Amino acid sequence: NFYGANTDWPWHNWNAARRRMPGAGFHFFSWDAEWTFGIGNDVNTDRTGETAGSPGTLYTRLRQHPEFRVQFGDHAQKHLFNGGALTPAVTDARWMKRATEIDRAIVPESARWGGGNTRQTWLAAQSAVRSWFPVRTAILLNQLRNAGLYPQLNAPGFSPFGGLVAPGHPLAFTNGNASGSIYFTLDGSDPRLWGGGLSA
C-alpha cells in the first residue's frame, strides 16, 4: 500500500485472518485497491503517515517502538534492493505477467463498462502504470527514511550478493557510507542485539 500509494486504504478495503492454532499471527489482505499507481494520486504521493483504520492504528502505535522501526527497515532493505519484490525490473515483470494473463479479457470487460472504454484505454492505462515502476522505489525509500522507518545510513554491500558460493571464492563487504564499521557473524546470528548493542 505504501509502494502503490493507495489512497483508498486503510480505513476500509482490507481483511485480516489467521490460522486457528497457537502462536499463529494475523495476516492482512488488501482488496479493491484501484486507487493506486497514479490513479487518484501521483508517483510522489506519500502514504507512510497514514493512521486511520485498524491497520493504520496498529502501524501508528508500532512505529513508535525503535525495534519495530529497525525490523521495518530490514524488510524495506529486502524488498527495495538487489532484485527484491519492489525493485523496478521485478515490479514491471510482475505487472506484465498479470497484464498478459488478462489481455484478451480486457475486450469484453471494456464492453461491459462502456463509456468509451476500449482496449486502447487499457493499453494507455497500463503504460501510465508502468511509468511508475522506474522511479517509485527510490521515492518510497526516501519517504521511509523521512518517516524514520529506514535508516539514513546505507546498508553494506556484499559481493557476491547471495546464493551458493564456491569454496575458496573471496567474499567482500563494502561500506556504502562515508565512514563507519561493518560488523558480522559467521554463525548466522545478528551482530546487533535487541536495543542496539553489539553482540559479543
C-alpha atoms as a PDB file:
ATOM      1  CA  ASN A   1       0.000   0.000   0.000  1.00  0.00           C
ATOM      2  CA  PHE A   2       2.908   2.383   0.629  1.00  0.00           C
ATOM      3  CA  TYR A   3       4.589   1.445  -2.650  1.00  0.00           C
ATOM      4  CA  GLY A   4       1.383   1.799  -4.677  1.00  0.00           C
ATOM      5  CA  ALA A   5       0.391   4.955  -2.724  1.00  0.00           C
ATOM      6  CA  ASN A   6      -3.054   3.504  -2.075  1.00  0.00           C
ATOM      7  CA  THR A   7      -5.369   6.397  -1.209  1.00  0.00           C
ATOM      8  CA  ASP A   8      -8.315   4.045  -0.587  1.00  0.00           C
ATOM      9  CA  TRP A   9      -6.818   2.386   2.499  1.00  0.00           C
ATOM     10  CA  PRO A  10      -6.513   1.586   5.472  1.00  0.00           C
ATOM     11  CA  TRP A  11      -9.955   2.672   6.717  1.00  0.00           C
ATOM     12  CA  HIS A  12     -11.552   0.015   4.505  1.00  0.00           C
ATOM     13  CA  ASN A  13     -10.793  -2.480   1.709  1.00  0.00           C
ATOM     14  CA  TRP A  14      -8.865  -4.928   3.855  1.00  0.00           C
ATOM     15  CA  ASN A  15      -9.415  -8.128   5.801  1.00  0.00           C
ATOM     16  CA  ALA A  16      -7.351  -9.898   8.443  1.00  0.00           C
ATOM     17  CA  ALA A  17      -7.133 -13.615   9.113  1.00  0.00           C
ATOM     18  CA  ARG A  18      -5.034 -16.136  10.987  1.00  0.00           C
ATOM     19  CA  ARG A  19      -4.824 -19.875  11.320  1.00  0.00           C
ATOM     20  CA  ARG A  20      -6.661 -21.270  14.320  1.00  0.00           C
ATOM     21  CA  MET A  21      -3.601 -22.665  16.010  1.00  0.00           C
ATOM     22  CA  PRO A  22      -1.495 -21.486  18.957  1.00  0.00           C
ATOM     23  CA  GLY A  23       1.016 -18.806  18.059  1.00  0.00           C
ATOM     24  CA  ALA A  24      -0.388 -18.111  14.594  1.00  0.00           C
ATOM     25  CA  GLY A  25      -0.212 -14.432  13.738  1.00  0.00           C
ATOM     26  CA  PHE A  26      -2.637 -12.340  11.733  1.00  0.00           C
ATOM     27  CA  HIS A  27      -2.095 -11.565   8.065  1.00  0.00           C
ATOM     28  CA  PHE A  28      -3.685  -8.521   6.459  1.00  0.00           C
ATOM     29  CA  PHE A  29      -5.165  -8.732   2.970  1.00  0.00           C
ATOM     30  CA  SER A  30      -5.798  -5.675   0.834  1.00  0.00           C
ATOM     31  CA  TRP A  31      -8.502  -5.717  -1.853  1.00  0.00           C
ATOM     32  CA  ASP A  32     -10.272  -3.296  -4.183  1.00  0.00           C
ATOM     33  CA  ALA A  33      -7.102  -1.192  -4.439  1.00  0.00           C
ATOM     34  CA  GLU A  34      -7.856   0.620  -7.670  1.00  0.00           C
ATOM     35  CA  TRP A  35      -6.693   3.997  -6.251  1.00  0.00           C
ATOM     36  CA  THR A  36      -3.034   3.123  -6.679  1.00  0.00           C
ATOM     37  CA  PHE A  37      -0.189   3.622  -9.165  1.00  0.00           C
ATOM     38  CA  GLY A  38      -1.212   7.124 -10.184  1.00  0.00           C
ATOM     39  CA  ILE A  39      -4.984   6.661 -10.171  1.00  0.00           C
ATOM     40  CA  GLY A  40      -6.119   9.495  -7.898  1.00  0.00           C
ATOM     41  CA  ASN A  41      -2.536  10.320  -6.868  1.00  0.00           C
ATOM     42  CA  ASP A  42       0.895  10.774  -8.388  1.00  0.00           C
ATOM     43  CA  VAL A  43       4.221   8.985  -8.118  1.00  0.00           C
ATOM     44  CA  ASN A  44       5.302  11.262  -5.227  1.00  0.00           C
ATOM     45  CA  THR A  45       2.252  10.542  -3.055  1.00  0.00           C
ATOM     46  CA  ASP A  46       3.377   9.653   0.471  1.00  0.00           C
ATOM     47  CA  ARG A  47       1.175   7.255   2.440  1.00  0.00           C
ATOM     48  CA  THR A  48       3.699   6.438   5.203  1.00  0.00           C
ATOM     49  CA  GLY A  49       1.926   8.720   7.673  1.00  0.00           C
ATOM     50  CA  GLU A  50      -1.497   7.085   7.242  1.00  0.00           C
ATOM     51  CA  THR A  51      -3.134   6.360  10.608  1.00  0.00           C
ATOM     52  CA  ALA A  52      -6.876   5.907  10.024  1.00  0.00           C
ATOM     53  CA  GLY A  53      -8.467   2.456  10.265  1.00  0.00           C
ATOM     54  CA  SER A  54      -7.372  -0.594  12.205  1.00  0.00           C
ATOM     55  CA  PRO A  55      -4.166  -1.468  10.302  1.00  0.00           C
ATOM     56  CA  GLY A  56      -3.246   2.230  10.358  1.00  0.00           C
ATOM     57  CA  THR A  57      -3.847   2.427  14.105  1.00  0.00           C
ATOM     58  CA  LEU A  58      -1.669  -0.621  14.747  1.00  0.00           C
ATOM     59  CA  TYR A  59       1.017   0.742  12.446  1.00  0.00           C
ATOM     60  CA  THR A  60       0.968   4.155  14.138  1.00  0.00           C
ATOM     61  CA  ARG A  61       1.485   2.612  17.553  1.00  0.00           C
ATOM     62  CA  LEU A  62       4.085   0.095  16.407  1.00  0.00           C
ATOM     63  CA  ARG A  63       6.221   2.660  14.613  1.00  0.00           C
ATOM     64  CA  GLN A  64       6.816   4.418  17.919  1.00  0.00           C
ATOM     65  CA  HIS A  65       8.823   1.370  19.040  1.00  0.00           C
ATOM     66  CA  PRO A  66      12.504   1.533  17.956  1.00  0.00           C
ATOM     67  CA  GLU A  67      12.758  -2.221  17.344  1.00  0.00           C
ATOM     68  CA  PHE A  68       9.717  -2.143  15.051  1.00  0.00           C
ATOM     69  CA  ARG A  69      11.366   0.611  13.006  1.00  0.00           C
ATOM     70  CA  VAL A  70      14.554  -1.458  12.730  1.00  0.00           C
ATOM     71  CA  GLN A  71      12.607  -4.539  11.593  1.00  0.00           C
ATOM     72  CA  PHE A  72      10.564  -2.430   9.161  1.00  0.00           C
ATOM     73  CA  GLY A  73      13.808  -1.080   7.714  1.00  0.00           C
ATOM     74  CA  ASP A  74      15.157  -4.621   7.362  1.00  0.00           C
ATOM     75  CA  HIS A  75      12.074  -5.612   5.360  1.00  0.00           C
ATOM     76  CA  ALA A  76      12.407  -2.483   3.206  1.00  0.00           C
ATOM     77  CA  GLN A  77      16.053  -3.376   2.523  1.00  0.00           C
ATOM     78  CA  LYS A  78      14.998  -6.857   1.416  1.00  0.00           C
ATOM     79  CA  HIS A  79      12.286  -5.649  -0.974  1.00  0.00           C
ATOM     80  CA  LEU A  80      13.699  -2.362  -2.323  1.00  0.00           C
ATOM     81  CA  PHE A  81      17.204  -3.556  -3.274  1.00  0.00           C
ATOM     82  CA  ASN A  82      19.066  -6.365  -5.040  1.00  0.00           C
ATOM     83  CA  GLY A  83      16.205  -7.716  -7.143  1.00  0.00           C
ATOM     84  CA  GLY A  84      13.682  -7.516  -4.290  1.00  0.00           C
ATOM     85  CA  ALA A  85       9.930  -7.609  -4.859  1.00  0.00           C
ATOM     86  CA  LEU A  86       9.641  -3.806  -5.170  1.00  0.00           C
ATOM     87  CA  THR A  87      12.644  -3.103  -7.381  1.00  0.00           C
ATOM     88  CA  PRO A  88      11.857  -1.575 -10.797  1.00  0.00           C
ATOM     89  CA  ALA A  89      12.580  -4.559 -13.056  1.00  0.00           C
ATOM     90  CA  VAL A  90      10.812  -7.035 -10.773  1.00  0.00           C
ATOM     91  CA  THR A  91       7.662  -4.920 -10.392  1.00  0.00           C
ATOM     92  CA  ASP A  92       7.479  -4.316 -14.139  1.00  0.00           C
ATOM     93  CA  ALA A  93       7.906  -8.031 -14.907  1.00  0.00           C
ATOM     94  CA  ARG A  94       5.211  -8.953 -12.362  1.00  0.00           C
ATOM     95  CA  TRP A  95       2.856  -6.361 -13.849  1.00  0.00           C
ATOM     96  CA  MET A  96       3.430  -7.578 -17.397  1.00  0.00           C
ATOM     97  CA  LYS A  97       2.909 -11.201 -16.382  1.00  0.00           C
ATOM     98  CA  ARG A  98      -0.516 -10.332 -14.976  1.00  0.00           C
ATOM     99  CA  ALA A  99      -1.340  -7.950 -17.846  1.00  0.00           C
ATOM    100  CA  THR A 100      -0.554 -10.686 -20.367  1.00  0.00           C
ATOM    101  CA  GLU A 101      -2.791 -13.137 -18.496  1.00  0.00           C
ATOM    102  CA  ILE A 102      -5.826 -10.843 -18.749  1.00  0.00           C
ATOM    103  CA  ASP A 103      -5.064  -9.184 -22.068  1.00  0.00           C
ATOM    104  CA  ARG A 104      -7.828 -10.866 -24.079  1.00  0.00           C
ATOM    105  CA  ALA A 105     -10.342 -10.489 -21.248  1.00  0.00           C
ATOM    106  CA  ILE A 106      -9.952  -6.714 -21.448  1.00  0.00           C
ATOM    107  CA  VAL A 107     -12.023  -6.612 -24.660  1.00  0.00           C
ATOM    108  CA  PRO A 108     -15.294  -7.870 -23.085  1.00  0.00           C
ATOM    109  CA  GLU A 109     -14.526  -6.035 -19.841  1.00  0.00           C
ATOM    110  CA  SER A 110     -14.247  -2.763 -21.776  1.00  0.00           C
ATOM    111  CA  ALA A 111     -17.548  -3.505 -23.494  1.00  0.00           C
ATOM    112  CA  ARG A 112     -19.177  -4.236 -20.120  1.00  0.00           C
ATOM    113  CA  TRP A 113     -18.151  -0.857 -18.684  1.00  0.00           C
ATOM    114  CA  GLY A 114     -18.916   1.084 -21.845  1.00  0.00           C
ATOM    115  CA  GLY A 115     -18.348   4.816 -21.617  1.00  0.00           C
ATOM    116  CA  GLY A 116     -15.885   4.816 -24.483  1.00  0.00           C
ATOM    117  CA  ASN A 117     -13.503   2.380 -22.790  1.00  0.00           C
ATOM    118  CA  THR A 118     -11.630   0.239 -25.290  1.00  0.00           C
ATOM    119  CA  ARG A 119      -8.569  -1.952 -25.366  1.00  0.00           C
ATOM    120  CA  GLN A 120      -6.619   1.220 -26.199  1.00  0.00           C
ATOM    121  CA  THR A 121      -7.891   2.736 -22.936  1.00  0.00           C
ATOM    122  CA  TRP A 122      -6.419  -0.282 -21.162  1.00  0.00           C
ATOM    123  CA  LEU A 123      -3.103  -0.038 -23.003  1.00  0.00           C
ATOM    124  CA  ALA A 124      -2.812   3.662 -22.178  1.00  0.00           C
ATOM    125  CA  ALA A 125      -3.576   2.994 -18.503  1.00  0.00           C
ATOM    126  CA  GLN A 126      -1.067   0.139 -18.494  1.00  0.00           C
ATOM    127  CA  SER A 127       1.609   2.421 -19.931  1.00  0.00           C
ATOM    128  CA  ALA A 128       0.893   5.019 -17.237  1.00  0.00           C
ATOM    129  CA  VAL A 129       1.253   2.399 -14.511  1.00  0.00           C
ATOM    130  CA  ARG A 130       4.492   1.088 -15.983  1.00  0.00           C
ATOM    131  CA  SER A 131       5.947   4.606 -15.910  1.00  0.00           C
ATOM    132  CA  TRP A 132       5.598   4.383 -12.105  1.00  0.00           C
ATOM    133  CA  PHE A 133       7.997   1.458 -11.668  1.00  0.00           C
ATOM    134  CA  PRO A 134      11.347   3.016 -12.718  1.00  0.00           C
ATOM    135  CA  VAL A 135      11.076   5.830 -10.151  1.00  0.00           C
ATOM    136  CA  ARG A 136       8.805   4.711  -7.309  1.00  0.00           C
ATOM    137  CA  THR A 137      11.334   2.527  -5.464  1.00  0.00           C
ATOM    138  CA  ALA A 138      13.727   5.439  -4.832  1.00  0.00           C
ATOM    139  CA  ILE A 139      10.850   7.768  -3.916  1.00  0.00           C
ATOM    140  CA  LEU A 140       9.453   5.269  -1.413  1.00  0.00           C
ATOM    141  CA  LEU A 141      12.902   4.739   0.106  1.00  0.00           C
ATOM    142  CA  ASN A 142      13.202   8.485   0.759  1.00  0.00           C
ATOM    143  CA  GLN A 143       9.677   8.553   2.221  1.00  0.00           C
ATOM    144  CA  LEU A 144      10.544   5.695   4.564  1.00  0.00           C
ATOM    145  CA  ARG A 145      13.736   7.492   5.624  1.00  0.00           C
ATOM    146  CA  ASN A 146      11.774  10.683   6.326  1.00  0.00           C
ATOM    147  CA  ALA A 147       9.256   8.666   8.373  1.00  0.00           C
ATOM    148  CA  GLY A 148      12.020   7.065  10.456  1.00  0.00           C
ATOM    149  CA  LEU A 149      11.239   3.634   9.002  1.00  0.00           C
ATOM    150  CA  TYR A 150      14.547   3.217   7.178  1.00  0.00           C
ATOM    151  CA  PRO A 151      17.945   4.380   8.456  1.00  0.00           C
ATOM    152  CA  GLN A 152      19.808   7.329   6.995  1.00  0.00           C
ATOM    153  CA  LEU A 153      22.824   5.024   6.630  1.00  0.00           C
ATOM    154  CA  ASN A 154      23.119   2.746   3.619  1.00  0.00           C
ATOM    155  CA  ALA A 155      23.326  -0.990   4.206  1.00  0.00           C
ATOM    156  CA  PRO A 156      26.643  -2.718   3.443  1.00  0.00           C
ATOM    157  CA  GLY A 157      27.106  -4.249   0.019  1.00  0.00           C
ATOM    158  CA  PHE A 158      28.022  -7.913  -0.430  1.00  0.00           C
ATOM    159  CA  SER A 159      29.996  -9.497  -3.219  1.00  0.00           C
ATOM    160  CA  PRO A 160      28.679 -11.883  -4.285  1.00  0.00           C
ATOM    161  CA  PHE A 161      25.291 -10.700  -3.071  1.00  0.00           C
ATOM    162  CA  GLY A 162      23.946 -14.126  -2.110  1.00  0.00           C
ATOM    163  CA  GLY A 163      23.363 -17.711  -3.079  1.00  0.00           C
ATOM    164  CA  LEU A 164      25.844 -20.553  -3.132  1.00  0.00           C
ATOM    165  CA  VAL A 165      29.500 -19.596  -3.090  1.00  0.00           C
ATOM    166  CA  ALA A 166      32.220 -21.923  -4.316  1.00  0.00           C
ATOM    167  CA  PRO A 167      34.828 -22.963  -1.728  1.00  0.00           C
ATOM    168  CA  GLY A 168      37.743 -20.563  -1.706  1.00  0.00           C
ATOM    169  CA  HIS A 169      35.819 -17.820  -3.527  1.00  0.00           C
ATOM    170  CA  PRO A 170      36.617 -14.440  -1.939  1.00  0.00           C
ATOM    171  CA  LEU A 171      33.810 -12.609  -0.171  1.00  0.00           C
ATOM    172  CA  ALA A 172      33.738  -8.852   0.222  1.00  0.00           C
ATOM    173  CA  PHE A 173      31.767  -6.274   2.184  1.00  0.00           C
ATOM    174  CA  THR A 174      31.641  -2.666   1.081  1.00  0.00           C
ATOM    175  CA  ASN A 175      30.580   0.266   3.203  1.00  0.00           C
ATOM    176  CA  GLY A 176      28.073   2.412   1.308  1.00  0.00           C
ATOM    177  CA  ASN A 177      28.679   5.308   3.692  1.00  0.00           C
ATOM    178  CA  ALA A 178      31.493   7.834   4.066  1.00  0.00           C
ATOM    179  CA  SER A 179      32.654   6.217   7.313  1.00  0.00           C
ATOM    180  CA  GLY A 180      31.715   3.597   9.878  1.00  0.00           C
ATOM    181  CA  SER A 181      32.343  -0.061  10.665  1.00  0.00           C
ATOM    182  CA  ILE A 182      30.678  -3.243   9.423  1.00  0.00           C
ATOM    183  CA  TYR A 183      30.024  -5.955  11.998  1.00  0.00           C
ATOM    184  CA  PHE A 184      29.229  -9.533  11.004  1.00  0.00           C
ATOM    185  CA  THR A 185      28.998 -13.028  12.431  1.00  0.00           C
ATOM    186  CA  LEU A 186      29.878 -16.394  10.943  1.00  0.00           C
ATOM    187  CA  ASP A 187      27.041 -18.374  12.546  1.00  0.00           C
ATOM    188  CA  GLY A 188      24.045 -16.546  11.055  1.00  0.00           C
ATOM    189  CA  SER A 189      23.201 -14.693  14.264  1.00  0.00           C
ATOM    190  CA  ASP A 190      22.548 -10.950  14.204  1.00  0.00           C
ATOM    191  CA  PRO A 191      25.565  -8.898  15.317  1.00  0.00           C
ATOM    192  CA  ARG A 192      23.075  -6.305  16.601  1.00  0.00           C
ATOM    193  CA  LEU A 193      21.402  -7.041  19.925  1.00  0.00           C
ATOM    194  CA  TRP A 194      17.844  -6.052  20.796  1.00  0.00           C
ATOM    195  CA  GLY A 195      18.097  -2.394  21.780  1.00  0.00           C
ATOM    196  CA  GLY A 196      21.050  -1.639  19.509  1.00  0.00           C
ATOM    197  CA  GLY A 197      24.024  -3.069  21.388  1.00  0.00           C
ATOM    198  CA  LEU A 198      26.821  -5.043  19.739  1.00  0.00           C
ATOM    199  CA  SER A 199      26.751  -8.826  20.203  1.00  0.00           C
ATOM    200  CA  ALA A 200      29.746 -10.348  21.945  1.00  0.00           C
END
